[in-house]
Each structure stands twice: as C-alpha cells, then as structure tokens.
Amino acid sequence: MSNKIIRQQLNILNGEDLKVNNRLQKLKSPLGMISLCYCRSYKIIQNKQEETDILAENLKLLRKKAIVRKESKAAQKKRSIISENIDKENQKIVDKKKLHKKLVIKKKKEKRLRNTLDSAL
C-alpha cells in the first residue's frame, strides 16, 4: 500500500481527518483494497481480514519505516553536517554583531573625546 493510503488510515484512526472524499472513495477505498504482501513474490492477500488488522499492520509498517529513517547512518551524518553548518552560520552572525557593537562604542567614545576637546578650546 502506498504511504498516502497508510497516512489516510492513520488519520482516520486518530480522528484527525474525518472528511470523506467521495471521488477517492469511489476510485480506491483504502480499507477495501486488496493489500499486497511486501515480499518478492507479491502474493495477494484476500481482503477477508478485518479493518483493524489492516490498520494495525499499516501502522507497524509506518513505524518501522520511521525508525529506519531516524536511525540510518547516512541520515545521522546529514543531520550532523546540517547542524554544524547552522551552528557555524549562527556563530558568524553573533561575531559580526559583537564587532559592530564594539565599533559603535568606539566611535561614540571618539566622538565624545572630540566634543570635549573642541569645547575645551
């Protein structure tokens, strides 16, 4: 089953999405479809199973996919690289702000000095 259908079923189970799209229901009903076994032979399972069983299986599949996506080494490397780059960019911005602040303070001090010297003369 496609991820879209699994998500629809999960939304229905959670009570989040109770809208009924008649066009979609006529074309393919997610609960009435014949589910395919995810094996090499793609055996067809009769839809004699109950809706709750199908939904439970789909939920298990979705959770397994989510766990694999979270725990894969490539995904971890990508996340670490992205977080490092974000940290570097944030640090650059903070450093620029600090330098700008120092320059502003320095200019103010110079201006005050000039004003005091001009008023003294």
PDB file of N, CA and C in Angstrom:
ATOM      1  N   MET A   1       0.836  -1.173   0.000  1.00  0.00           N
ATOM      2  CA  MET A   1       0.000   0.000   0.000  1.00  0.00           C
ATOM      3  C   MET A   1       0.887   1.245   0.000  1.00  0.00           C
ATOM      4  N   SER A   2       0.395   2.262  -0.600  1.00  0.00           N
ATOM      5  CA  SER A   2       1.195   3.476  -0.674  1.00  0.00           C
ATOM      6  C   SER A   2       1.161   4.222   0.652  1.00  0.00           C
ATOM      7  N   ASN A   3       2.149   5.081   0.830  1.00  0.00           N
ATOM      8  CA  ASN A   3       2.238   5.857   2.066  1.00  0.00           C
ATOM      9  C   ASN A   3       1.039   6.773   2.228  1.00  0.00           C
ATOM     10  N   LYS A   4       0.509   7.279   1.125  1.00  0.00           N
ATOM     11  CA  LYS A   4      -0.637   8.184   1.184  1.00  0.00           C
ATOM     12  C   LYS A   4      -1.838   7.473   1.806  1.00  0.00           C
ATOM     13  N   ILE A   5      -2.069   6.248   1.389  1.00  0.00           N
ATOM     14  CA  ILE A   5      -3.205   5.482   1.902  1.00  0.00           C
ATOM     15  C   ILE A   5      -2.985   5.148   3.374  1.00  0.00           C
ATOM     16  N   ILE A   6      -1.751   4.797   3.729  1.00  0.00           N
ATOM     17  CA  ILE A   6      -1.442   4.492   5.125  1.00  0.00           C
ATOM     18  C   ILE A   6      -1.685   5.719   5.993  1.00  0.00           C
ATOM     19  N   ARG A   7      -1.242   6.888   5.519  1.00  0.00           N
ATOM     20  CA  ARG A   7      -1.451   8.128   6.282  1.00  0.00           C
ATOM     21  C   ARG A   7      -2.935   8.422   6.442  1.00  0.00           C
ATOM     22  N   GLN A   8      -3.705   8.186   5.372  1.00  0.00           N
ATOM     23  CA  GLN A   8      -5.148   8.410   5.462  1.00  0.00           C
ATOM     24  C   GLN A   8      -5.759   7.516   6.534  1.00  0.00           C
ATOM     25  N   GLN A   9      -5.342   6.268   6.541  1.00  0.00           N
ATOM     26  CA  GLN A   9      -5.880   5.334   7.521  1.00  0.00           C
ATOM     27  C   GLN A   9      -5.507   5.753   8.937  1.00  0.00           C
ATOM     28  N   LEU A  10      -4.248   6.198   9.117  1.00  0.00           N
ATOM     29  CA  LEU A  10      -3.821   6.638  10.438  1.00  0.00           C
ATOM     30  C   LEU A  10      -4.581   7.878  10.880  1.00  0.00           C
ATOM     31  N   ASN A  11      -4.832   8.790   9.947  1.00  0.00           N
ATOM     32  CA  ASN A  11      -5.605   9.988  10.278  1.00  0.00           C
ATOM     33  C   ASN A  11      -7.021   9.620  10.692  1.00  0.00           C
ATOM     34  N   ILE A  12      -7.598   8.646   9.992  1.00  0.00           N
ATOM     35  CA  ILE A  12      -8.949   8.204  10.338  1.00  0.00           C
ATOM     36  C   ILE A  12      -8.947   7.559  11.722  1.00  0.00           C
ATOM     37  N   LEU A  13      -7.925   6.738  11.998  1.00  0.00           N
ATOM     38  CA  LEU A  13      -7.827   6.100  13.311  1.00  0.00           C
ATOM     39  C   LEU A  13      -7.692   7.127  14.425  1.00  0.00           C
ATOM     40  N   ASN A  14      -6.863   8.154  14.191  1.00  0.00           N
ATOM     41  CA  ASN A  14      -6.638   9.179  15.209  1.00  0.00           C
ATOM     42  C   ASN A  14      -7.790  10.162  15.304  1.00  0.00           C
ATOM     43  N   GLY A  15      -8.691  10.132  14.355  1.00  0.00           N
ATOM     44  CA  GLY A  15      -9.823  11.046  14.367  1.00  0.00           C
ATOM     45  C   GLY A  15      -9.459  12.439  13.894  1.00  0.00           C
ATOM     46  N   GLU A  16      -8.279  12.585  13.280  1.00  0.00           N
ATOM     47  CA  GLU A  16      -7.839  13.898  12.818  1.00  0.00           C
ATOM     48  C   GLU A  16      -8.559  14.305  11.544  1.00  0.00           C
ATOM     49  N   ASP A  17      -8.672  13.386  10.628  1.00  0.00           N
ATOM     50  CA  ASP A  17      -9.229  13.722   9.326  1.00  0.00           C
ATOM     51  C   ASP A  17     -10.499  12.905   9.118  1.00  0.00           C
ATOM     52  N   LEU A  18     -11.639  13.544   9.306  1.00  0.00           N
ATOM     53  CA  LEU A  18     -12.902  12.832   9.148  1.00  0.00           C
ATOM     54  C   LEU A  18     -13.619  13.229   7.862  1.00  0.00           C
ATOM     55  N   LYS A  19     -12.950  14.000   7.001  1.00  0.00           N
ATOM     56  CA  LYS A  19     -13.551  14.376   5.725  1.00  0.00           C
ATOM     57  C   LYS A  19     -13.632  13.141   4.838  1.00  0.00           C
ATOM     58  N   VAL A  20     -14.689  13.053   4.072  1.00  0.00           N
ATOM     59  CA  VAL A  20     -14.840  11.940   3.144  1.00  0.00           C
ATOM     60  C   VAL A  20     -14.743  12.503   1.738  1.00  0.00           C
ATOM     61  N   ASN A  21     -13.745  12.064   1.025  1.00  0.00           N
ATOM     62  CA  ASN A  21     -13.578  12.476  -0.358  1.00  0.00           C
ATOM     63  C   ASN A  21     -14.246  11.408  -1.215  1.00  0.00           C
ATOM     64  N   ASN A  22     -15.430  11.721  -1.731  1.00  0.00           N
ATOM     65  CA  ASN A  22     -16.214  10.719  -2.458  1.00  0.00           C
ATOM     66  C   ASN A  22     -15.482  10.209  -3.688  1.00  0.00           C
ATOM     67  N   ARG A  23     -14.793  11.097  -4.391  1.00  0.00           N
ATOM     68  CA  ARG A  23     -14.075  10.690  -5.597  1.00  0.00           C
ATOM     69  C   ARG A  23     -13.007   9.657  -5.251  1.00  0.00           C
ATOM     70  N   LEU A  24     -12.275   9.925  -4.167  1.00  0.00           N
ATOM     71  CA  LEU A  24     -11.229   9.000  -3.748  1.00  0.00           C
ATOM     72  C   LEU A  24     -11.836   7.676  -3.284  1.00  0.00           C
ATOM     73  N   GLN A  25     -12.949   7.753  -2.570  1.00  0.00           N
ATOM     74  CA  GLN A  25     -13.579   6.538  -2.081  1.00  0.00           C
ATOM     75  C   GLN A  25     -14.071   5.675  -3.241  1.00  0.00           C
ATOM     76  N   LYS A  26     -14.533   6.315  -4.317  1.00  0.00           N
ATOM     77  CA  LYS A  26     -15.012   5.544  -5.463  1.00  0.00           C
ATOM     78  C   LYS A  26     -13.849   4.884  -6.195  1.00  0.00           C
ATOM     79  N   LEU A  27     -12.734   5.629  -6.324  1.00  0.00           N
ATOM     80  CA  LEU A  27     -11.606   5.078  -7.060  1.00  0.00           C
ATOM     81  C   LEU A  27     -10.926   3.957  -6.282  1.00  0.00           C
ATOM     82  N   LYS A  28     -10.484   4.286  -5.059  1.00  0.00           N
ATOM     83  CA  LYS A  28      -9.828   3.277  -4.244  1.00  0.00           C
ATOM     84  C   LYS A  28     -10.180   3.509  -2.790  1.00  0.00           C
ATOM     85  N   SER A  29     -10.810   2.575  -2.216  1.00  0.00           N
ATOM     86  CA  SER A  29     -11.099   2.657  -0.793  1.00  0.00           C
ATOM     87  C   SER A  29      -9.909   2.053  -0.060  1.00  0.00           C
ATOM     88  N   PRO A  30      -9.265   2.812   0.835  1.00  0.00           N
ATOM     89  CA  PRO A  30      -8.063   2.291   1.482  1.00  0.00           C
ATOM     90  C   PRO A  30      -8.316   1.041   2.312  1.00  0.00           C
ATOM     91  N   LEU A  31      -9.532   0.903   2.846  1.00  0.00           N
ATOM     92  CA  LEU A  31      -9.800  -0.264   3.676  1.00  0.00           C
ATOM     93  C   LEU A  31     -10.286  -1.453   2.861  1.00  0.00           C
ATOM     94  N   GLY A  32     -10.867  -1.209   1.696  1.00  0.00           N
ATOM     95  CA  GLY A  32     -11.409  -2.295   0.908  1.00  0.00           C
ATOM     96  C   GLY A  32     -10.432  -2.826  -0.120  1.00  0.00           C
ATOM     97  N   MET A  33      -9.302  -2.167  -0.257  1.00  0.00           N
ATOM     98  CA  MET A  33      -8.335  -2.598  -1.266  1.00  0.00           C
ATOM     99  C   MET A  33      -7.696  -3.917  -0.873  1.00  0.00           C
ATOM    100  N   ILE A  34      -7.266  -4.615  -1.865  1.00  0.00           N
ATOM    101  CA  ILE A  34      -6.520  -5.847  -1.617  1.00  0.00           C
ATOM    102  C   ILE A  34      -5.090  -5.432  -1.329  1.00  0.00           C
ATOM    103  N   SER A  35      -4.619  -5.784  -0.146  1.00  0.00           N
ATOM    104  CA  SER A  35      -3.264  -5.368   0.211  1.00  0.00           C
ATOM    105  C   SER A  35      -2.261  -6.368  -0.341  1.00  0.00           C
ATOM    106  N   LEU A  36      -1.141  -5.833  -0.776  1.00  0.00           N
ATOM    107  CA  LEU A  36      -0.089  -6.679  -1.327  1.00  0.00           C
ATOM    108  C   LEU A  36       0.936  -6.984  -0.254  1.00  0.00           C
ATOM    109  N   CYS A  37       1.415  -8.171  -0.274  1.00  0.00           N
ATOM    110  CA  CYS A  37       2.441  -8.568   0.668  1.00  0.00           C
ATOM    111  C   CYS A  37       3.776  -8.007   0.188  1.00  0.00           C
ATOM    112  N   TYR A  38       4.566  -7.431   1.110  1.00  0.00           N
ATOM    113  CA  TYR A  38       5.847  -6.848   0.729  1.00  0.00           C
ATOM    114  C   TYR A  38       6.931  -7.923   0.724  1.00  0.00           C
ATOM    115  N   CYS A  39       6.790  -8.866  -0.183  1.00  0.00           N
ATOM    116  CA  CYS A  39       7.807  -9.879  -0.341  1.00  0.00           C
ATOM    117  C   CYS A  39       8.125  -9.998  -1.828  1.00  0.00           C
ATOM    118  N   ARG A  40       9.035 -10.842  -2.177  1.00  0.00           N
ATOM    119  CA  ARG A  40       9.470 -10.934  -3.574  1.00  0.00           C
ATOM    120  C   ARG A  40       8.365 -11.435  -4.495  1.00  0.00           C
ATOM    121  N   SER A  41       7.547 -12.307  -4.014  1.00  0.00           N
ATOM    122  CA  SER A  41       6.538 -12.905  -4.889  1.00  0.00           C
ATOM    123  C   SER A  41       5.273 -12.065  -4.996  1.00  0.00           C
ATOM    124  N   TYR A  42       5.104 -11.039  -4.152  1.00  0.00           N
ATOM    125  CA  TYR A  42       3.923 -10.177  -4.174  1.00  0.00           C
ATOM    126  C   TYR A  42       2.626 -10.996  -4.179  1.00  0.00           C
ATOM    127  N   LYS A  43       2.493 -11.839  -3.182  1.00  0.00           N
ATOM    128  CA  LYS A  43       1.274 -12.645  -3.083  1.00  0.00           C
ATOM    129  C   LYS A  43       0.102 -11.743  -2.712  1.00  0.00           C
ATOM    130  N   ILE A  44      -1.037 -12.044  -3.271  1.00  0.00           N
ATOM    131  CA  ILE A  44      -2.233 -11.253  -2.983  1.00  0.00           C
ATOM    132  C   ILE A  44      -2.932 -11.845  -1.766  1.00  0.00           C
ATOM    133  N   ILE A  45      -3.187 -10.963  -0.814  1.00  0.00           N
ATOM    134  CA  ILE A  45      -3.894 -11.390   0.391  1.00  0.00           C
ATOM    135  C   ILE A  45      -5.362 -11.038   0.208  1.00  0.00           C
ATOM    136  N   GLN A  46      -6.212 -11.973   0.477  1.00  0.00           N
ATOM    137  CA  GLN A  46      -7.647 -11.729   0.360  1.00  0.00           C
ATOM    138  C   GLN A  46      -8.052 -10.669   1.379  1.00  0.00           C
ATOM    139  N   ASN A  47      -9.052  -9.870   1.032  1.00  0.00           N
ATOM    140  CA  ASN A  47      -9.471  -8.827   1.966  1.00  0.00           C
ATOM    141  C   ASN A  47     -10.531  -9.341   2.939  1.00  0.00           C
ATOM    142  N   LYS A  48     -10.319 -10.557   3.415  1.00  0.00           N
ATOM    143  CA  LYS A  48     -11.193 -11.127   4.433  1.00  0.00           C
ATOM    144  C   LYS A  48     -10.764 -10.664   5.826  1.00  0.00           C
ATOM    145  N   GLN A  49      -9.605 -10.008   5.888  1.00  0.00           N
ATOM    146  CA  GLN A  49      -9.130  -9.506   7.171  1.00  0.00           C
ATOM    147  C   GLN A  49     -10.017  -8.360   7.633  1.00  0.00           C
ATOM    148  N   GLU A  50     -10.011  -8.142   8.920  1.00  0.00           N
ATOM    149  CA  GLU A  50     -10.787  -7.041   9.461  1.00  0.00           C
ATOM    150  C   GLU A  50     -10.040  -5.733   9.247  1.00  0.00           C
ATOM    151  N   GLU A  51     -10.801  -4.640   9.285  1.00  0.00           N
ATOM    152  CA  GLU A  51     -10.211  -3.324   9.072  1.00  0.00           C
ATOM    153  C   GLU A  51      -9.165  -3.010  10.126  1.00  0.00           C
ATOM    154  N   THR A  52      -9.420  -3.393  11.364  1.00  0.00           N
ATOM    155  CA  THR A  52      -8.478  -3.082  12.443  1.00  0.00           C
ATOM    156  C   THR A  52      -7.147  -3.791  12.239  1.00  0.00           C
ATOM    157  N   ASP A  53      -7.195  -5.028  11.710  1.00  0.00           N
ATOM    158  CA  ASP A  53      -5.959  -5.759  11.449  1.00  0.00           C
ATOM    159  C   ASP A  53      -5.136  -5.063  10.375  1.00  0.00           C
ATOM    160  N   ILE A  54      -5.809  -4.648   9.309  1.00  0.00           N
ATOM    161  CA  ILE A  54      -5.113  -3.960   8.220  1.00  0.00           C
ATOM    162  C   ILE A  54      -4.499  -2.665   8.730  1.00  0.00           C
ATOM    163  N   LEU A  55      -5.276  -1.913   9.506  1.00  0.00           N
ATOM    164  CA  LEU A  55      -4.775  -0.648  10.040  1.00  0.00           C
ATOM    165  C   LEU A  55      -3.601  -0.874  10.985  1.00  0.00           C
ATOM    166  N   ALA A  56      -3.669  -1.916  11.793  1.00  0.00           N
ATOM    167  CA  ALA A  56      -2.579  -2.213  12.725  1.00  0.00           C
ATOM    168  C   ALA A  56      -1.309  -2.576  11.965  1.00  0.00           C
ATOM    169  N   GLU A  57      -1.445  -3.388  10.912  1.00  0.00           N
ATOM    170  CA  GLU A  57      -0.286  -3.758  10.099  1.00  0.00           C
ATOM    171  C   GLU A  57       0.326  -2.530   9.436  1.00  0.00           C
ATOM    172  N   ASN A  58      -0.535  -1.671   8.904  1.00  0.00           N
ATOM    173  CA  ASN A  58      -0.041  -0.458   8.259  1.00  0.00           C
ATOM    174  C   ASN A  58       0.674   0.449   9.251  1.00  0.00           C
ATOM    175  N   LEU A  59       0.156   0.530  10.462  1.00  0.00           N
ATOM    176  CA  LEU A  59       0.785   1.344  11.496  1.00  0.00           C
ATOM    177  C   LEU A  59       2.165   0.791  11.841  1.00  0.00           C
ATOM    178  N   LYS A  60       2.271  -0.537  11.953  1.00  0.00           N
ATOM    179  CA  LYS A  60       3.564  -1.166  12.230  1.00  0.00           C
ATOM    180  C   LYS A  60       4.556  -0.866  11.115  1.00  0.00           C
ATOM    181  N   LEU A  61       4.113  -0.990   9.861  1.00  0.00           N
ATOM    182  CA  LEU A  61       4.990  -0.701   8.722  1.00  0.00           C
ATOM    183  C   LEU A  61       5.474   0.738   8.753  1.00  0.00           C
ATOM    184  N   LEU A  62       4.562   1.657   9.015  1.00  0.00           N
ATOM    185  CA  LEU A  62       4.916   3.072   9.035  1.00  0.00           C
ATOM    186  C   LEU A  62       5.915   3.362  10.145  1.00  0.00           C
ATOM    187  N   ARG A  63       5.716   2.749  11.308  1.00  0.00           N
ATOM    188  CA  ARG A  63       6.646   2.950  12.422  1.00  0.00           C
ATOM    189  C   ARG A  63       8.022   2.389  12.101  1.00  0.00           C
ATOM    190  N   LYS A  64       8.070   1.203  11.465  1.00  0.00           N
ATOM    191  CA  LYS A  64       9.354   0.620  11.087  1.00  0.00           C
ATOM    192  C   LYS A  64      10.098   1.535  10.125  1.00  0.00           C
ATOM    193  N   LYS A  65       9.367   2.074   9.137  1.00  0.00           N
ATOM    194  CA  LYS A  65       9.995   2.979   8.175  1.00  0.00           C
ATOM    195  C   LYS A  65      10.525   4.220   8.864  1.00  0.00           C
ATOM    196  N   ALA A  66       9.756   4.750   9.820  1.00  0.00           N
ATOM    197  CA  ALA A  66      10.181   5.954  10.540  1.00  0.00           C
ATOM    198  C   ALA A  66      11.429   5.676  11.365  1.00  0.00           C
ATOM    199  N   ILE A  67      11.477   4.509  12.013  1.00  0.00           N
ATOM    200  CA  ILE A  67      12.640   4.153  12.824  1.00  0.00           C
ATOM    201  C   ILE A  67      13.865   3.997  11.941  1.00  0.00           C
ATOM    202  N   VAL A  68      13.719   3.340  10.797  1.00  0.00           N
ATOM    203  CA  VAL A  68      14.844   3.149   9.885  1.00  0.00           C
ATOM    204  C   VAL A  68      15.353   4.492   9.392  1.00  0.00           C
ATOM    205  N   ARG A  69      14.433   5.411   9.069  1.00  0.00           N
ATOM    206  CA  ARG A  69      14.846   6.728   8.596  1.00  0.00           C
ATOM    207  C   ARG A  69      15.596   7.484   9.679  1.00  0.00           C
ATOM    208  N   LYS A  70      15.137   7.346  10.926  1.00  0.00           N
ATOM    209  CA  LYS A  70      15.773   8.079  12.017  1.00  0.00           C
ATOM    210  C   LYS A  70      17.140   7.506  12.348  1.00  0.00           C
ATOM    211  N   GLU A  71      17.285   6.199  12.267  1.00  0.00           N
ATOM    212  CA  GLU A  71      18.484   5.546  12.752  1.00  0.00           C
ATOM    213  C   GLU A  71      19.530   5.270  11.674  1.00  0.00           C
ATOM    214  N   SER A  72      19.253   5.561  10.434  1.00  0.00           N
ATOM    215  CA  SER A  72      20.238   5.250   9.405  1.00  0.00           C
ATOM    216  C   SER A  72      21.464   6.144   9.565  1.00  0.00           C
ATOM    217  N   LYS A  73      22.620   5.582   9.274  1.00  0.00           N
ATOM    218  CA  LYS A  73      23.875   6.315   9.458  1.00  0.00           C
ATOM    219  C   LYS A  73      23.962   7.505   8.519  1.00  0.00           C
ATOM    220  N   ALA A  74      23.492   7.325   7.305  1.00  0.00           N
ATOM    221  CA  ALA A  74      23.537   8.422   6.340  1.00  0.00           C
ATOM    222  C   ALA A  74      22.685   9.594   6.818  1.00  0.00           C
ATOM    223  N   ALA A  75      21.511   9.277   7.354  1.00  0.00           N
ATOM    224  CA  ALA A  75      20.634  10.341   7.858  1.00  0.00           C
ATOM    225  C   ALA A  75      21.274  11.045   9.047  1.00  0.00           C
ATOM    226  N   GLN A  76      21.941  10.279   9.915  1.00  0.00           N
ATOM    227  CA  GLN A  76      22.620  10.887  11.061  1.00  0.00           C
ATOM    228  C   GLN A  76      23.742  11.810  10.595  1.00  0.00           C
ATOM    229  N   LYS A  77      24.508  11.364   9.590  1.00  0.00           N
ATOM    230  CA  LYS A  77      25.592  12.202   9.070  1.00  0.00           C
ATOM    231  C   LYS A  77      25.038  13.484   8.471  1.00  0.00           C
ATOM    232  N   LYS A  78      23.964  13.353   7.695  1.00  0.00           N
ATOM    233  CA  LYS A  78      23.356  14.536   7.091  1.00  0.00           C
ATOM    234  C   LYS A  78      22.884  15.500   8.167  1.00  0.00           C
ATOM    235  N   ARG A  79      22.222  14.966   9.192  1.00  0.00           N
ATOM    236  CA  ARG A  79      21.735  15.825  10.273  1.00  0.00           C
ATOM    237  C   ARG A  79      22.884  16.514  10.986  1.00  0.00           C
ATOM    238  N   SER A  80      23.976  15.774  11.238  1.00  0.00           N
ATOM    239  CA  SER A  80      25.112  16.376  11.941  1.00  0.00           C
ATOM    240  C   SER A  80      25.776  17.449  11.085  1.00  0.00           C
ATOM    241  N   ILE A  81      25.917  17.200   9.783  1.00  0.00           N
ATOM    242  CA  ILE A  81      26.513  18.196   8.888  1.00  0.00           C
ATOM    243  C   ILE A  81      25.642  19.445   8.836  1.00  0.00           C
ATOM    244  N   ILE A  82      24.348  19.255   8.719  1.00  0.00           N
ATOM    245  CA  ILE A  82      23.429  20.397   8.663  1.00  0.00           C
ATOM    246  C   ILE A  82      23.484  21.189   9.963  1.00  0.00           C
ATOM    247  N   SER A  83      23.470  20.495  11.100  1.00  0.00           N
ATOM    248  CA  SER A  83      23.504  21.203  12.391  1.00  0.00           C
ATOM    249  C   SER A  83      24.825  21.945  12.576  1.00  0.00           C
ATOM    250  N   GLU A  84      25.945  21.339  12.135  1.00  0.00           N
ATOM    251  CA  GLU A  84      27.241  22.019  12.225  1.00  0.00           C
ATOM    252  C   GLU A  84      27.244  23.285  11.380  1.00  0.00           C
ATOM    253  N   ASN A  85      26.723  23.184  10.159  1.00  0.00           N
ATOM    254  CA  ASN A  85      26.685  24.360   9.289  1.00  0.00           C
ATOM    255  C   ASN A  85      25.802  25.460   9.874  1.00  0.00           C
ATOM    256  N   ILE A  86      24.680  25.075  10.439  1.00  0.00           N
ATOM    257  CA  ILE A  86      23.791  26.066  11.059  1.00  0.00           C
ATOM    258  C   ILE A  86      24.488  26.729  12.242  1.00  0.00           C
ATOM    259  N   ASP A  87      25.192  25.925  13.057  1.00  0.00           N
ATOM    260  CA  ASP A  87      25.920  26.486  14.195  1.00  0.00           C
ATOM    261  C   ASP A  87      27.002  27.461  13.736  1.00  0.00           C
ATOM    262  N   LYS A  88      27.724  27.092  12.661  1.00  0.00           N
ATOM    263  CA  LYS A  88      28.762  27.983  12.131  1.00  0.00           C
ATOM    264  C   LYS A  88      28.162  29.299  11.659  1.00  0.00           C
ATOM    265  N   GLU A  89      27.061  29.222  10.933  1.00  0.00           N
ATOM    266  CA  GLU A  89      26.412  30.438  10.434  1.00  0.00           C
ATOM    267  C   GLU A  89      25.923  31.305  11.594  1.00  0.00           C
ATOM    268  N   ASN A  90      25.339  30.679  12.596  1.00  0.00           N
ATOM    269  CA  ASN A  90      24.874  31.431  13.764  1.00  0.00           C
ATOM    270  C   ASN A  90      26.037  32.088  14.492  1.00  0.00           C
ATOM    271  N   GLN A  91      27.153  31.370  14.601  1.00  0.00           N
ATOM    272  CA  GLN A  91      28.335  31.926  15.261  1.00  0.00           C
ATOM    273  C   GLN A  91      28.880  33.116  14.474  1.00  0.00           C
ATOM    274  N   LYS A  92      28.890  33.019  13.148  1.00  0.00           N
ATOM    275  CA  LYS A  92      29.340  34.137  12.315  1.00  0.00           C
ATOM    276  C   LYS A  92      28.467  35.362  12.547  1.00  0.00           C
ATOM    277  N   ILE A  93      27.171  35.156  12.598  1.00  0.00           N
ATOM    278  CA  ILE A  93      26.240  36.272  12.815  1.00  0.00           C
ATOM    279  C   ILE A  93      26.484  36.909  14.177  1.00  0.00           C
ATOM    280  N   VAL A  94      26.680  36.072  15.207  1.00  0.00           N
ATOM    281  CA  VAL A  94      26.931  36.590  16.555  1.00  0.00           C
ATOM    282  C   VAL A  94      28.236  37.380  16.584  1.00  0.00           C
ATOM    283  N   ASP A  95      29.276  36.855  15.923  1.00  0.00           N
ATOM    284  CA  ASP A  95      30.563  37.555  15.879  1.00  0.00           C
ATOM    285  C   ASP A  95      30.439  38.902  15.175  1.00  0.00           C
ATOM    286  N   LYS A  96      29.704  38.935  14.068  1.00  0.00           N
ATOM    287  CA  LYS A  96      29.504  40.194  13.351  1.00  0.00           C
ATOM    288  C   LYS A  96      28.785  41.208  14.226  1.00  0.00           C
ATOM    289  N   LYS A  97      27.789  40.756  14.968  1.00  0.00           N
ATOM    290  CA  LYS A  97      27.053  41.659  15.861  1.00  0.00           C
ATOM    291  C   LYS A  97      27.964  42.211  16.948  1.00  0.00           C
ATOM    292  N   LYS A  98      28.819  41.342  17.516  1.00  0.00           N
ATOM    293  CA  LYS A  98      29.751  41.788  18.555  1.00  0.00           C
ATOM    294  C   LYS A  98      30.716  42.825  17.999  1.00  0.00           C
ATOM    295  N   LEU A  99      31.277  42.555  16.815  1.00  0.00           N
ATOM    296  CA  LEU A  99      32.210  43.505  16.198  1.00  0.00           C
ATOM    297  C   LEU A  99      31.530  44.834  15.921  1.00  0.00           C
ATOM    298  N   HIS A 100      30.323  44.785  15.414  1.00  0.00           N
ATOM    299  CA  HIS A 100      29.586  46.012  15.120  1.00  0.00           C
ATOM    300  C   HIS A 100      29.332  46.808  16.400  1.00  0.00           C
ATOM    301  N   LYS A 101      28.983  46.103  17.463  1.00  0.00           N
ATOM    302  CA  LYS A 101      28.739  46.762  18.740  1.00  0.00           C
ATOM    303  C   LYS A 101      30.006  47.451  19.239  1.00  0.00           C
ATOM    304  N   LYS A 102      31.142  46.743  19.134  1.00  0.00           N
ATOM    305  CA  LYS A 102      32.417  47.321  19.568  1.00  0.00           C
ATOM    306  C   LYS A 102      32.752  48.562  18.753  1.00  0.00           C
ATOM    307  N   LEU A 103      32.534  48.494  17.440  1.00  0.00           N
ATOM    308  CA  LEU A 103      32.819  49.643  16.583  1.00  0.00           C
ATOM    309  C   LEU A 103      31.941  50.835  16.939  1.00  0.00           C
ATOM    310  N   VAL A 104      30.682  50.574  17.198  1.00  0.00           N
ATOM    311  CA  VAL A 104      29.760  51.659  17.557  1.00  0.00           C
ATOM    312  C   VAL A 104      30.204  52.312  18.859  1.00  0.00           C
ATOM    313  N   ILE A 105      30.575  51.508  19.846  1.00  0.00           N
ATOM    314  CA  ILE A 105      31.035  52.048  21.131  1.00  0.00           C
ATOM    315  C   ILE A 105      32.314  52.852  20.941  1.00  0.00           C
ATOM    316  N   LYS A 106      33.227  52.328  20.125  1.00  0.00           N
ATOM    317  CA  LYS A 106      34.497  53.017  19.867  1.00  0.00           C
ATOM    318  C   LYS A 106      34.250  54.363  19.190  1.00  0.00           C
ATOM    319  N   LYS A 107      33.362  54.402  18.206  1.00  0.00           N
ATOM    320  CA  LYS A 107      33.045  55.652  17.513  1.00  0.00           C
ATOM    321  C   LYS A 107      32.406  56.659  18.459  1.00  0.00           C
ATOM    322  N   LYS A 108      31.532  56.183  19.338  1.00  0.00           N
ATOM    323  CA  LYS A 108      30.893  57.076  20.306  1.00  0.00           C
ATOM    324  C   LYS A 108      31.930  57.698  21.235  1.00  0.00           C
ATOM    325  N   LYS A 109      32.896  56.877  21.693  1.00  0.00           N
ATOM    326  CA  LYS A 109      33.948  57.388  22.579  1.00  0.00           C
ATOM    327  C   LYS A 109      34.788  58.438  21.861  1.00  0.00           C
ATOM    328  N   GLU A 110      35.159  58.160  20.606  1.00  0.00           N
ATOM    329  CA  GLU A 110      35.948  59.121  19.831  1.00  0.00           C
ATOM    330  C   GLU A 110      35.181  60.427  19.646  1.00  0.00           C
ATOM    331  N   LYS A 111      33.895  60.314  19.368  1.00  0.00           N
ATOM    332  CA  LYS A 111      33.063  61.498  19.170  1.00  0.00           C
ATOM    333  C   LYS A 111      32.987  62.326  20.456  1.00  0.00           C
ATOM    334  N   ARG A 112      32.827  61.648  21.595  1.00  0.00           N
ATOM    335  CA  ARG A 112      32.791  62.343  22.888  1.00  0.00           C
ATOM    336  C   ARG A 112      34.115  63.051  23.155  1.00  0.00           C
ATOM    337  N   LEU A 113      35.227  62.360  22.849  1.00  0.00           N
ATOM    338  CA  LEU A 113      36.549  62.954  23.047  1.00  0.00           C
ATOM    339  C   LEU A 113      36.704  64.214  22.201  1.00  0.00           C
ATOM    340  N   ARG A 114      36.301  64.136  20.947  1.00  0.00           N
ATOM    341  CA  ARG A 114      36.398  65.299  20.054  1.00  0.00           C
ATOM    342  C   ARG A 114      35.558  66.457  20.583  1.00  0.00           C
ATOM    343  N   ASN A 115      34.344  66.124  21.017  1.00  0.00           N
ATOM    344  CA  ASN A 115      33.456  67.167  21.539  1.00  0.00           C
ATOM    345  C   ASN A 115      34.039  67.827  22.788  1.00  0.00           C
ATOM    346  N   THR A 116      34.637  67.023  23.678  1.00  0.00           N
ATOM    347  CA  THR A 116      35.234  67.604  24.891  1.00  0.00           C
ATOM    348  C   THR A 116      36.453  68.440  24.544  1.00  0.00           C
ATOM    349  N   LEU A 117      37.254  67.979  23.572  1.00  0.00           N
ATOM    350  CA  LEU A 117      38.436  68.749  23.159  1.00  0.00           C
ATOM    351  C   LEU A 117      38.022  70.044  22.469  1.00  0.00           C
ATOM    352  N   ASP A 118      36.999  69.980  21.618  1.00  0.00           N
ATOM    353  CA  ASP A 118      36.524  71.175  20.918  1.00  0.00           C
ATOM    354  C   ASP A 118      35.932  72.181  21.902  1.00  0.00           C
ATOM    355  N   SER A 119      35.212  71.693  22.885  1.00  0.00           N
ATOM    356  CA  SER A 119      34.606  72.611  23.858  1.00  0.00           C
ATOM    357  C   SER A 119      35.665  73.210  24.781  1.00  0.00           C
ATOM    358  N   ALA A 120      36.756  72.486  25.044  1.00  0.00           N
ATOM    359  CA  ALA A 120      37.829  72.985  25.904  1.00  0.00           C
ATOM    360  C   ALA A 120      38.624  74.073  25.190  1.00  0.00           C
ATOM    361  N   LEU A 121      38.732  74.009  23.882  1.00  0.00           N
ATOM    362  CA  LEU A 121      39.495  75.007  23.131  1.00  0.00           C
ATOM    363  C   LEU A 121      38.636  76.201  22.959  1.00  0.00           C
TER     364      LEU A 121
END
